[in-house]
Amino acid sequence: MKIYLVILQVIYLLCLIPWLPIWGLSFMSFDGGFSFYNILFVLIVSLYPVAFIVCTILSWIFRNKRKKTAFIINLIPIIWVAAFAFVLFTFNFS
């Protein structure tokens, strides 16, 4: 379980490298004005590191007694990114 947690969290940490320019560029969505979808987009992109940190802490807390819970909690950032990419590439919010 420790190896699984460490490997996934290293992957999440490496995902923070491309996240920083994406986060900076996400503010360009306000160039056309403020709307609910623009604010939601920036909020979802901005909260990824918070989700990563919270899920990391919780999965390490639950790793001994609740292994299945730790496993599921540690997958939340992957689900976050996959769902965001699916919505971003599937729907056109112009």
PDB file of N, CA and C in Angstrom:
ATOM      1  N   MET A   1       0.821  -1.199   0.000  1.00  0.00           N
ATOM      2  CA  MET A   1       0.000   0.000   0.000  1.00  0.00           C
ATOM      3  C   MET A   1       0.860   1.257   0.000  1.00  0.00           C
ATOM      4  N   LYS A   2       1.982   1.207   0.715  1.00  0.00           N
ATOM      5  CA  LYS A   2       2.850   2.383   0.757  1.00  0.00           C
ATOM      6  C   LYS A   2       3.415   2.695  -0.623  1.00  0.00           C
ATOM      7  N   ILE A   3       3.809   1.642  -1.342  1.00  0.00           N
ATOM      8  CA  ILE A   3       4.390   1.859  -2.669  1.00  0.00           C
ATOM      9  C   ILE A   3       3.346   2.465  -3.609  1.00  0.00           C
ATOM     10  N   TYR A   4       2.126   1.964  -3.533  1.00  0.00           N
ATOM     11  CA  TYR A   4       1.032   2.507  -4.350  1.00  0.00           C
ATOM     12  C   TYR A   4       0.819   3.985  -4.046  1.00  0.00           C
ATOM     13  N   LEU A   5       0.766   4.337  -2.773  1.00  0.00           N
ATOM     14  CA  LEU A   5       0.546   5.736  -2.389  1.00  0.00           C
ATOM     15  C   LEU A   5       1.691   6.624  -2.869  1.00  0.00           C
ATOM     16  N   VAL A   6       2.904   6.165  -2.682  1.00  0.00           N
ATOM     17  CA  VAL A   6       4.058   6.976  -3.072  1.00  0.00           C
ATOM     18  C   VAL A   6       4.104   7.169  -4.581  1.00  0.00           C
ATOM     19  N   ILE A   7       3.876   6.097  -5.349  1.00  0.00           N
ATOM     20  CA  ILE A   7       3.936   6.211  -6.812  1.00  0.00           C
ATOM     21  C   ILE A   7       2.868   7.166  -7.337  1.00  0.00           C
ATOM     22  N   LEU A   8       1.632   7.009  -6.871  1.00  0.00           N
ATOM     23  CA  LEU A   8       0.577   7.899  -7.359  1.00  0.00           C
ATOM     24  C   LEU A   8       0.809   9.345  -6.935  1.00  0.00           C
ATOM     25  N   GLN A   9       1.335   9.547  -5.748  1.00  0.00           N
ATOM     26  CA  GLN A   9       1.545  10.917  -5.302  1.00  0.00           C
ATOM     27  C   GLN A   9       2.734  11.574  -5.993  1.00  0.00           C
ATOM     28  N   VAL A  10       3.694  10.795  -6.422  1.00  0.00           N
ATOM     29  CA  VAL A  10       4.777  11.349  -7.247  1.00  0.00           C
ATOM     30  C   VAL A  10       4.217  11.754  -8.614  1.00  0.00           C
ATOM     31  N   ILE A  11       3.318  10.933  -9.150  1.00  0.00           N
ATOM     32  CA  ILE A  11       2.672  11.282 -10.420  1.00  0.00           C
ATOM     33  C   ILE A  11       1.864  12.567 -10.262  1.00  0.00           C
ATOM     34  N   TYR A  12       1.117  12.680  -9.157  1.00  0.00           N
ATOM     35  CA  TYR A  12       0.344  13.902  -8.905  1.00  0.00           C
ATOM     36  C   TYR A  12       1.265  15.106  -8.769  1.00  0.00           C
ATOM     37  N   LEU A  13       2.387  14.918  -8.112  1.00  0.00           N
ATOM     38  CA  LEU A  13       3.340  16.013  -7.948  1.00  0.00           C
ATOM     39  C   LEU A  13       3.908  16.442  -9.300  1.00  0.00           C
ATOM     40  N   LEU A  14       4.190  15.482 -10.167  1.00  0.00           N
ATOM     41  CA  LEU A  14       4.667  15.821 -11.509  1.00  0.00           C
ATOM     42  C   LEU A  14       3.588  16.512 -12.338  1.00  0.00           C
ATOM     43  N   CYS A  15       2.333  16.201 -12.060  1.00  0.00           N
ATOM     44  CA  CYS A  15       1.228  16.867 -12.771  1.00  0.00           C
ATOM     45  C   CYS A  15       1.076  18.329 -12.353  1.00  0.00           C
ATOM     46  N   LEU A  16       1.651  18.695 -11.219  1.00  0.00           N
ATOM     47  CA  LEU A  16       1.592  20.094 -10.803  1.00  0.00           C
ATOM     48  C   LEU A  16       2.486  20.985 -11.667  1.00  0.00           C
ATOM     49  N   ILE A  17       3.480  20.392 -12.326  1.00  0.00           N
ATOM     50  CA  ILE A  17       4.366  21.182 -13.191  1.00  0.00           C
ATOM     51  C   ILE A  17       3.593  21.763 -14.377  1.00  0.00           C
ATOM     52  N   PRO A  18       2.847  20.967 -15.155  1.00  0.00           N
ATOM     53  CA  PRO A  18       2.061  21.589 -16.222  1.00  0.00           C
ATOM     54  C   PRO A  18       0.821  22.315 -15.709  1.00  0.00           C
ATOM     55  N   TRP A  19       0.411  22.013 -14.466  1.00  0.00           N
ATOM     56  CA  TRP A  19      -0.767  22.687 -13.921  1.00  0.00           C
ATOM     57  C   TRP A  19      -0.515  24.181 -13.761  1.00  0.00           C
ATOM     58  N   LEU A  20       0.687  24.576 -13.365  1.00  0.00           N
ATOM     59  CA  LEU A  20       0.961  25.997 -13.099  1.00  0.00           C
ATOM     60  C   LEU A  20       0.733  26.878 -14.325  1.00  0.00           C
ATOM     61  N   PRO A  21       1.279  26.554 -15.514  1.00  0.00           N
ATOM     62  CA  PRO A  21       0.954  27.414 -16.666  1.00  0.00           C
ATOM     63  C   PRO A  21      -0.515  27.326 -17.077  1.00  0.00           C
ATOM     64  N   ILE A  22      -1.114  26.156 -16.922  1.00  0.00           N
ATOM     65  CA  ILE A  22      -2.538  26.028 -17.246  1.00  0.00           C
ATOM     66  C   ILE A  22      -3.363  26.902 -16.314  1.00  0.00           C
ATOM     67  N   TRP A  23      -2.989  26.929 -15.048  1.00  0.00           N
ATOM     68  CA  TRP A  23      -3.687  27.783 -14.081  1.00  0.00           C
ATOM     69  C   TRP A  23      -3.547  29.252 -14.464  1.00  0.00           C
ATOM     70  N   GLY A  24      -2.353  29.659 -14.849  1.00  0.00           N
ATOM     71  CA  GLY A  24      -2.157  31.045 -15.264  1.00  0.00           C
ATOM     72  C   GLY A  24      -2.951  31.391 -16.509  1.00  0.00           C
ATOM     73  N   LEU A  25      -2.988  30.474 -17.457  1.00  0.00           N
ATOM     74  CA  LEU A  25      -3.725  30.724 -18.696  1.00  0.00           C
ATOM     75  C   LEU A  25      -5.236  30.644 -18.500  1.00  0.00           C
ATOM     76  N   SER A  26      -5.684  29.966 -17.443  1.00  0.00           N
ATOM     77  CA  SER A  26      -7.131  29.846 -17.228  1.00  0.00           C
ATOM     78  C   SER A  26      -7.774  31.205 -16.953  1.00  0.00           C
ATOM     79  N   PHE A  27      -7.007  32.145 -16.468  1.00  0.00           N
ATOM     80  CA  PHE A  27      -7.563  33.478 -16.212  1.00  0.00           C
ATOM     81  C   PHE A  27      -7.870  34.230 -17.501  1.00  0.00           C
ATOM     82  N   MET A  28      -7.359  33.727 -18.616  1.00  0.00           N
ATOM     83  CA  MET A  28      -7.682  34.354 -19.896  1.00  0.00           C
ATOM     84  C   MET A  28      -9.132  34.113 -20.289  1.00  0.00           C
ATOM     85  N   SER A  29      -9.804  33.201 -19.596  1.00  0.00           N
ATOM     86  CA  SER A  29     -11.218  32.972 -19.899  1.00  0.00           C
ATOM     87  C   SER A  29     -12.062  34.193 -19.541  1.00  0.00           C
ATOM     88  N   PHE A  30     -11.517  35.078 -18.735  1.00  0.00           N
ATOM     89  CA  PHE A  30     -12.242  36.297 -18.372  1.00  0.00           C
ATOM     90  C   PHE A  30     -12.089  37.411 -19.406  1.00  0.00           C
ATOM     91  N   ASP A  31     -11.332  37.157 -20.472  1.00  0.00           N
ATOM     92  CA  ASP A  31     -11.159  38.180 -21.503  1.00  0.00           C
ATOM     93  C   ASP A  31     -12.476  38.559 -22.169  1.00  0.00           C
ATOM     94  N   GLY A  32     -13.386  37.623 -22.276  1.00  0.00           N
ATOM     95  CA  GLY A  32     -14.679  37.901 -22.897  1.00  0.00           C
ATOM     96  C   GLY A  32     -15.719  38.374 -21.900  1.00  0.00           C
ATOM     97  N   GLY A  33     -15.321  38.567 -20.678  1.00  0.00           N
ATOM     98  CA  GLY A  33     -16.258  38.993 -19.644  1.00  0.00           C
ATOM     99  C   GLY A  33     -16.458  37.899 -18.611  1.00  0.00           C
ATOM    100  N   PHE A  34     -17.138  38.268 -17.559  1.00  0.00           N
ATOM    101  CA  PHE A  34     -17.386  37.326 -16.470  1.00  0.00           C
ATOM    102  C   PHE A  34     -18.693  36.585 -16.727  1.00  0.00           C
ATOM    103  N   SER A  35     -18.635  35.283 -16.558  1.00  0.00           N
ATOM    104  CA  SER A  35     -19.849  34.472 -16.626  1.00  0.00           C
ATOM    105  C   SER A  35     -19.702  33.335 -15.621  1.00  0.00           C
ATOM    106  N   PHE A  36     -20.790  32.643 -15.391  1.00  0.00           N
ATOM    107  CA  PHE A  36     -20.769  31.539 -14.442  1.00  0.00           C
ATOM    108  C   PHE A  36     -19.769  30.466 -14.868  1.00  0.00           C
ATOM    109  N   TYR A  37     -19.729  30.143 -16.146  1.00  0.00           N
ATOM    110  CA  TYR A  37     -18.847  29.083 -16.629  1.00  0.00           C
ATOM    111  C   TYR A  37     -17.381  29.489 -16.552  1.00  0.00           C
ATOM    112  N   ASN A  38     -17.071  30.751 -16.781  1.00  0.00           N
ATOM    113  CA  ASN A  38     -15.688  31.214 -16.646  1.00  0.00           C
ATOM    114  C   ASN A  38     -15.216  31.101 -15.207  1.00  0.00           C
ATOM    115  N   ILE A  39     -16.047  31.534 -14.292  1.00  0.00           N
ATOM    116  CA  ILE A  39     -15.686  31.470 -12.876  1.00  0.00           C
ATOM    117  C   ILE A  39     -15.553  30.014 -12.436  1.00  0.00           C
ATOM    118  N   LEU A  40     -16.474  29.162 -12.879  1.00  0.00           N
ATOM    119  CA  LEU A  40     -16.418  27.744 -12.527  1.00  0.00           C
ATOM    120  C   LEU A  40     -15.165  27.085 -13.091  1.00  0.00           C
ATOM    121  N   PHE A  41     -14.800  27.419 -14.310  1.00  0.00           N
ATOM    122  CA  PHE A  41     -13.594  26.878 -14.940  1.00  0.00           C
ATOM    123  C   PHE A  41     -12.347  27.236 -14.141  1.00  0.00           C
ATOM    124  N   VAL A  42     -12.194  28.501 -13.801  1.00  0.00           N
ATOM    125  CA  VAL A  42     -11.023  28.943 -13.041  1.00  0.00           C
ATOM    126  C   VAL A  42     -11.024  28.319 -11.644  1.00  0.00           C
ATOM    127  N   LEU A  43     -12.180  28.199 -11.046  1.00  0.00           N
ATOM    128  CA  LEU A  43     -12.281  27.604  -9.713  1.00  0.00           C
ATOM    129  C   LEU A  43     -11.881  26.130  -9.732  1.00  0.00           C
ATOM    130  N   ILE A  44     -12.338  25.390 -10.722  1.00  0.00           N
ATOM    131  CA  ILE A  44     -11.989  23.968 -10.824  1.00  0.00           C
ATOM    132  C   ILE A  44     -10.493  23.792 -11.065  1.00  0.00           C
ATOM    133  N   VAL A  45      -9.926  24.601 -11.924  1.00  0.00           N
ATOM    134  CA  VAL A  45      -8.489  24.519 -12.186  1.00  0.00           C
ATOM    135  C   VAL A  45      -7.700  24.928 -10.944  1.00  0.00           C
ATOM    136  N   SER A  46      -8.164  25.930 -10.237  1.00  0.00           N
ATOM    137  CA  SER A  46      -7.445  26.431  -9.066  1.00  0.00           C
ATOM    138  C   SER A  46      -7.487  25.473  -7.883  1.00  0.00           C
ATOM    139  N   LEU A  47      -8.526  24.686  -7.762  1.00  0.00           N
ATOM    140  CA  LEU A  47      -8.676  23.808  -6.606  1.00  0.00           C
ATOM    141  C   LEU A  47      -7.978  22.460  -6.753  1.00  0.00           C
ATOM    142  N   TYR A  48      -7.367  22.180  -7.886  1.00  0.00           N
ATOM    143  CA  TYR A  48      -6.686  20.892  -8.051  1.00  0.00           C
ATOM    144  C   TYR A  48      -5.587  20.672  -7.008  1.00  0.00           C
ATOM    145  N   PRO A  49      -4.693  21.633  -6.745  1.00  0.00           N
ATOM    146  CA  PRO A  49      -3.667  21.379  -5.723  1.00  0.00           C
ATOM    147  C   PRO A  49      -4.259  21.172  -4.329  1.00  0.00           C
ATOM    148  N   VAL A  50      -5.360  21.845  -4.041  1.00  0.00           N
ATOM    149  CA  VAL A  50      -6.009  21.653  -2.741  1.00  0.00           C
ATOM    150  C   VAL A  50      -6.532  20.223  -2.632  1.00  0.00           C
ATOM    151  N   ALA A  51      -7.151  19.731  -3.700  1.00  0.00           N
ATOM    152  CA  ALA A  51      -7.648  18.351  -3.717  1.00  0.00           C
ATOM    153  C   ALA A  51      -6.491  17.369  -3.603  1.00  0.00           C
ATOM    154  N   PHE A  52      -5.404  17.650  -4.275  1.00  0.00           N
ATOM    155  CA  PHE A  52      -4.226  16.785  -4.212  1.00  0.00           C
ATOM    156  C   PHE A  52      -3.698  16.703  -2.786  1.00  0.00           C
ATOM    157  N   ILE A  53      -3.563  17.823  -2.121  1.00  0.00           N
ATOM    158  CA  ILE A  53      -3.020  17.841  -0.761  1.00  0.00           C
ATOM    159  C   ILE A  53      -3.972  17.170   0.226  1.00  0.00           C
ATOM    160  N   VAL A  54      -5.252  17.487   0.140  1.00  0.00           N
ATOM    161  CA  VAL A  54      -6.232  16.894   1.061  1.00  0.00           C
ATOM    162  C   VAL A  54      -6.318  15.384   0.859  1.00  0.00           C
ATOM    163  N   CYS A  55      -6.352  14.933  -0.378  1.00  0.00           N
ATOM    164  CA  CYS A  55      -6.432  13.498  -0.645  1.00  0.00           C
ATOM    165  C   CYS A  55      -5.160  12.774  -0.220  1.00  0.00           C
ATOM    166  N   THR A  56      -4.024  13.420  -0.362  1.00  0.00           N
ATOM    167  CA  THR A  56      -2.774  12.822   0.087  1.00  0.00           C
ATOM    168  C   THR A  56      -2.776  12.621   1.590  1.00  0.00           C
ATOM    169  N   ILE A  57      -3.150  13.649   2.313  1.00  0.00           N
ATOM    170  CA  ILE A  57      -3.178  13.554   3.782  1.00  0.00           C
ATOM    171  C   ILE A  57      -4.169  12.495   4.237  1.00  0.00           C
ATOM    172  N   LEU A  58      -5.371  12.510   3.669  1.00  0.00           N
ATOM    173  CA  LEU A  58      -6.386  11.538   4.087  1.00  0.00           C
ATOM    174  C   LEU A  58      -6.001  10.103   3.731  1.00  0.00           C
ATOM    175  N   SER A  59      -5.405   9.900   2.575  1.00  0.00           N
ATOM    176  CA  SER A  59      -5.032   8.538   2.200  1.00  0.00           C
ATOM    177  C   SER A  59      -3.919   7.993   3.092  1.00  0.00           C
ATOM    178  N   TRP A  60      -2.996   8.850   3.537  1.00  0.00           N
ATOM    179  CA  TRP A  60      -1.964   8.380   4.463  1.00  0.00           C
ATOM    180  C   TRP A  60      -2.540   8.122   5.849  1.00  0.00           C
ATOM    181  N   ILE A  61      -3.543   8.860   6.228  1.00  0.00           N
ATOM    182  CA  ILE A  61      -4.181   8.617   7.533  1.00  0.00           C
ATOM    183  C   ILE A  61      -4.923   7.283   7.515  1.00  0.00           C
ATOM    184  N   PHE A  62      -5.614   6.983   6.426  1.00  0.00           N
ATOM    185  CA  PHE A  62      -6.431   5.776   6.348  1.00  0.00           C
ATOM    186  C   PHE A  62      -5.689   4.539   5.851  1.00  0.00           C
ATOM    187  N   ARG A  63      -4.411   4.614   5.535  1.00  0.00           N
ATOM    188  CA  ARG A  63      -3.715   3.522   4.868  1.00  0.00           C
ATOM    189  C   ARG A  63      -3.598   2.256   5.698  1.00  0.00           C
ATOM    190  N   ASN A  64      -3.579   2.323   7.002  1.00  0.00           N
ATOM    191  CA  ASN A  64      -3.412   1.127   7.819  1.00  0.00           C
ATOM    192  C   ASN A  64      -4.726   0.428   8.142  1.00  0.00           C
ATOM    193  N   LYS A  65      -5.722   1.189   8.565  1.00  0.00           N
ATOM    194  CA  LYS A  65      -6.961   0.576   9.038  1.00  0.00           C
ATOM    195  C   LYS A  65      -8.027   0.445   7.956  1.00  0.00           C
ATOM    196  N   ARG A  66      -8.072   1.375   7.043  1.00  0.00           N
ATOM    197  CA  ARG A  66      -9.094   1.374   5.978  1.00  0.00           C
ATOM    198  C   ARG A  66      -8.401   1.457   4.623  1.00  0.00           C
ATOM    199  N   LYS A  67      -7.863   0.356   4.191  1.00  0.00           N
ATOM    200  CA  LYS A  67      -7.073   0.350   2.950  1.00  0.00           C
ATOM    201  C   LYS A  67      -7.915   0.661   1.720  1.00  0.00           C
ATOM    202  N   LYS A  68      -9.126   0.146   1.671  1.00  0.00           N
ATOM    203  CA  LYS A  68      -9.986   0.409   0.520  1.00  0.00           C
ATOM    204  C   LYS A  68     -10.363   1.882   0.448  1.00  0.00           C
ATOM    205  N   THR A  69     -10.632   2.484   1.597  1.00  0.00           N
ATOM    206  CA  THR A  69     -10.951   3.912   1.641  1.00  0.00           C
ATOM    207  C   THR A  69      -9.749   4.743   1.204  1.00  0.00           C
ATOM    208  N   ALA A  70      -8.562   4.369   1.663  1.00  0.00           N
ATOM    209  CA  ALA A  70      -7.344   5.085   1.265  1.00  0.00           C
ATOM    210  C   ALA A  70      -7.109   4.964  -0.234  1.00  0.00           C
ATOM    211  N   PHE A  71      -7.386   3.797  -0.784  1.00  0.00           N
ATOM    212  CA  PHE A  71      -7.235   3.562  -2.215  1.00  0.00           C
ATOM    213  C   PHE A  71      -8.171   4.465  -3.014  1.00  0.00           C
ATOM    214  N   ILE A  72      -9.419   4.534  -2.603  1.00  0.00           N
ATOM    215  CA  ILE A  72     -10.421   5.348  -3.308  1.00  0.00           C
ATOM    216  C   ILE A  72     -10.114   6.835  -3.173  1.00  0.00           C
ATOM    217  N   ILE A  73      -9.754   7.263  -1.981  1.00  0.00           N
ATOM    218  CA  ILE A  73      -9.443   8.678  -1.755  1.00  0.00           C
ATOM    219  C   ILE A  73      -8.237   9.096  -2.586  1.00  0.00           C
ATOM    220  N   ASN A  74      -7.274   8.199  -2.725  1.00  0.00           N
ATOM    221  CA  ASN A  74      -6.076   8.534  -3.484  1.00  0.00           C
ATOM    222  C   ASN A  74      -6.343   8.620  -4.984  1.00  0.00           C
ATOM    223  N   LEU A  75      -7.459   8.089  -5.455  1.00  0.00           N
ATOM    224  CA  LEU A  75      -7.808   8.169  -6.875  1.00  0.00           C
ATOM    225  C   LEU A  75      -8.600   9.426  -7.234  1.00  0.00           C
ATOM    226  N   ILE A  76      -9.021  10.188  -6.268  1.00  0.00           N
ATOM    227  CA  ILE A  76      -9.835  11.382  -6.532  1.00  0.00           C
ATOM    228  C   ILE A  76      -9.136  12.381  -7.465  1.00  0.00           C
ATOM    229  N   PRO A  77      -7.849  12.691  -7.281  1.00  0.00           N
ATOM    230  CA  PRO A  77      -7.227  13.618  -8.239  1.00  0.00           C
ATOM    231  C   PRO A  77      -7.207  13.108  -9.677  1.00  0.00           C
ATOM    232  N   ILE A  78      -7.086  11.799  -9.879  1.00  0.00           N
ATOM    233  CA  ILE A  78      -7.125  11.252 -11.238  1.00  0.00           C
ATOM    234  C   ILE A  78      -8.521  11.431 -11.819  1.00  0.00           C
ATOM    235  N   ILE A  79      -9.534  11.141 -11.022  1.00  0.00           N
ATOM    236  CA  ILE A  79     -10.914  11.316 -11.472  1.00  0.00           C
ATOM    237  C   ILE A  79     -11.175  12.785 -11.771  1.00  0.00           C
ATOM    238  N   TRP A  80     -10.643  13.678 -10.952  1.00  0.00           N
ATOM    239  CA  TRP A  80     -10.783  15.124 -11.128  1.00  0.00           C
ATOM    240  C   TRP A  80     -10.244  15.534 -12.496  1.00  0.00           C
ATOM    241  N   VAL A  81      -9.034  15.113 -12.809  1.00  0.00           N
ATOM    242  CA  VAL A  81      -8.397  15.496 -14.066  1.00  0.00           C
ATOM    243  C   VAL A  81      -9.118  14.851 -15.253  1.00  0.00           C
ATOM    244  N   ALA A  82      -9.484  13.585 -15.127  1.00  0.00           N
ATOM    245  CA  ALA A  82     -10.167  12.893 -16.227  1.00  0.00           C
ATOM    246  C   ALA A  82     -11.532  13.510 -16.514  1.00  0.00           C
ATOM    247  N   ALA A  83     -12.287  13.814 -15.484  1.00  0.00           N
ATOM    248  CA  ALA A  83     -13.604  14.428 -15.680  1.00  0.00           C
ATOM    249  C   ALA A  83     -13.473  15.825 -16.272  1.00  0.00           C
ATOM    250  N   PHE A  84     -12.506  16.587 -15.790  1.00  0.00           N
ATOM    251  CA  PHE A  84     -12.290  17.929 -16.313  1.00  0.00           C
ATOM    252  C   PHE A  84     -11.891  17.872 -17.789  1.00  0.00           C
ATOM    253  N   ALA A  85     -10.996  16.951 -18.139  1.00  0.00           N
ATOM    254  CA  ALA A  85     -10.575  16.819 -19.536  1.00  0.00           C
ATOM    255  C   ALA A  85     -11.735  16.364 -20.413  1.00  0.00           C
ATOM    256  N   PHE A  86     -12.553  15.461 -19.909  1.00  0.00           N
ATOM    257  CA  PHE A  86     -13.710  14.992 -20.676  1.00  0.00           C
ATOM    258  C   PHE A  86     -14.672  16.135 -20.969  1.00  0.00           C
ATOM    259  N   VAL A  87     -14.988  16.915 -19.949  1.00  0.00           N
ATOM    260  CA  VAL A  87     -15.914  18.036 -20.140  1.00  0.00           C
ATOM    261  C   VAL A  87     -15.299  19.090 -21.050  1.00  0.00           C
ATOM    262  N   LEU A  88     -14.035  19.367 -20.872  1.00  0.00           N
ATOM    263  CA  LEU A  88     -13.373  20.404 -21.658  1.00  0.00           C
ATOM    264  C   LEU A  88     -13.304  20.044 -23.140  1.00  0.00           C
ATOM    265  N   PHE A  89     -13.030  18.789 -23.449  1.00  0.00           N
ATOM    266  CA  PHE A  89     -12.875  18.385 -24.841  1.00  0.00           C
ATOM    267  C   PHE A  89     -14.182  17.925 -25.484  1.00  0.00           C
ATOM    268  N   THR A  90     -15.194  17.663 -24.686  1.00  0.00           N
ATOM    269  CA  THR A  90     -16.460  17.180 -25.241  1.00  0.00           C
ATOM    270  C   THR A  90     -17.424  18.320 -25.551  1.00  0.00           C
ATOM    271  N   PHE A  91     -17.533  19.267 -24.642  1.00  0.00           N
ATOM    272  CA  PHE A  91     -18.488  20.352 -24.797  1.00  0.00           C
ATOM    273  C   PHE A  91     -17.793  21.618 -25.246  1.00  0.00           C
ATOM    274  N   ASN A  92     -18.506  22.403 -26.014  1.00  0.00           N
ATOM    275  CA  ASN A  92     -17.988  23.686 -26.472  1.00  0.00           C
ATOM    276  C   ASN A  92     -18.815  24.783 -25.787  1.00  0.00           C
ATOM    277  N   PHE A  93     -18.175  25.504 -24.865  1.00  0.00           N
ATOM    278  CA  PHE A  93     -18.866  26.531 -24.094  1.00  0.00           C
ATOM    279  C   PHE A  93     -18.632  27.919 -24.657  1.00  0.00           C
ATOM    280  N   SER A  94     -18.716  28.083 -25.943  1.00  0.00           N
ATOM    281  CA  SER A  94     -18.472  29.408 -26.513  1.00  0.00           C
ATOM    282  C   SER A  94     -19.727  30.204 -26.673  1.00  0.00           C
TER     283      SER A  94
END
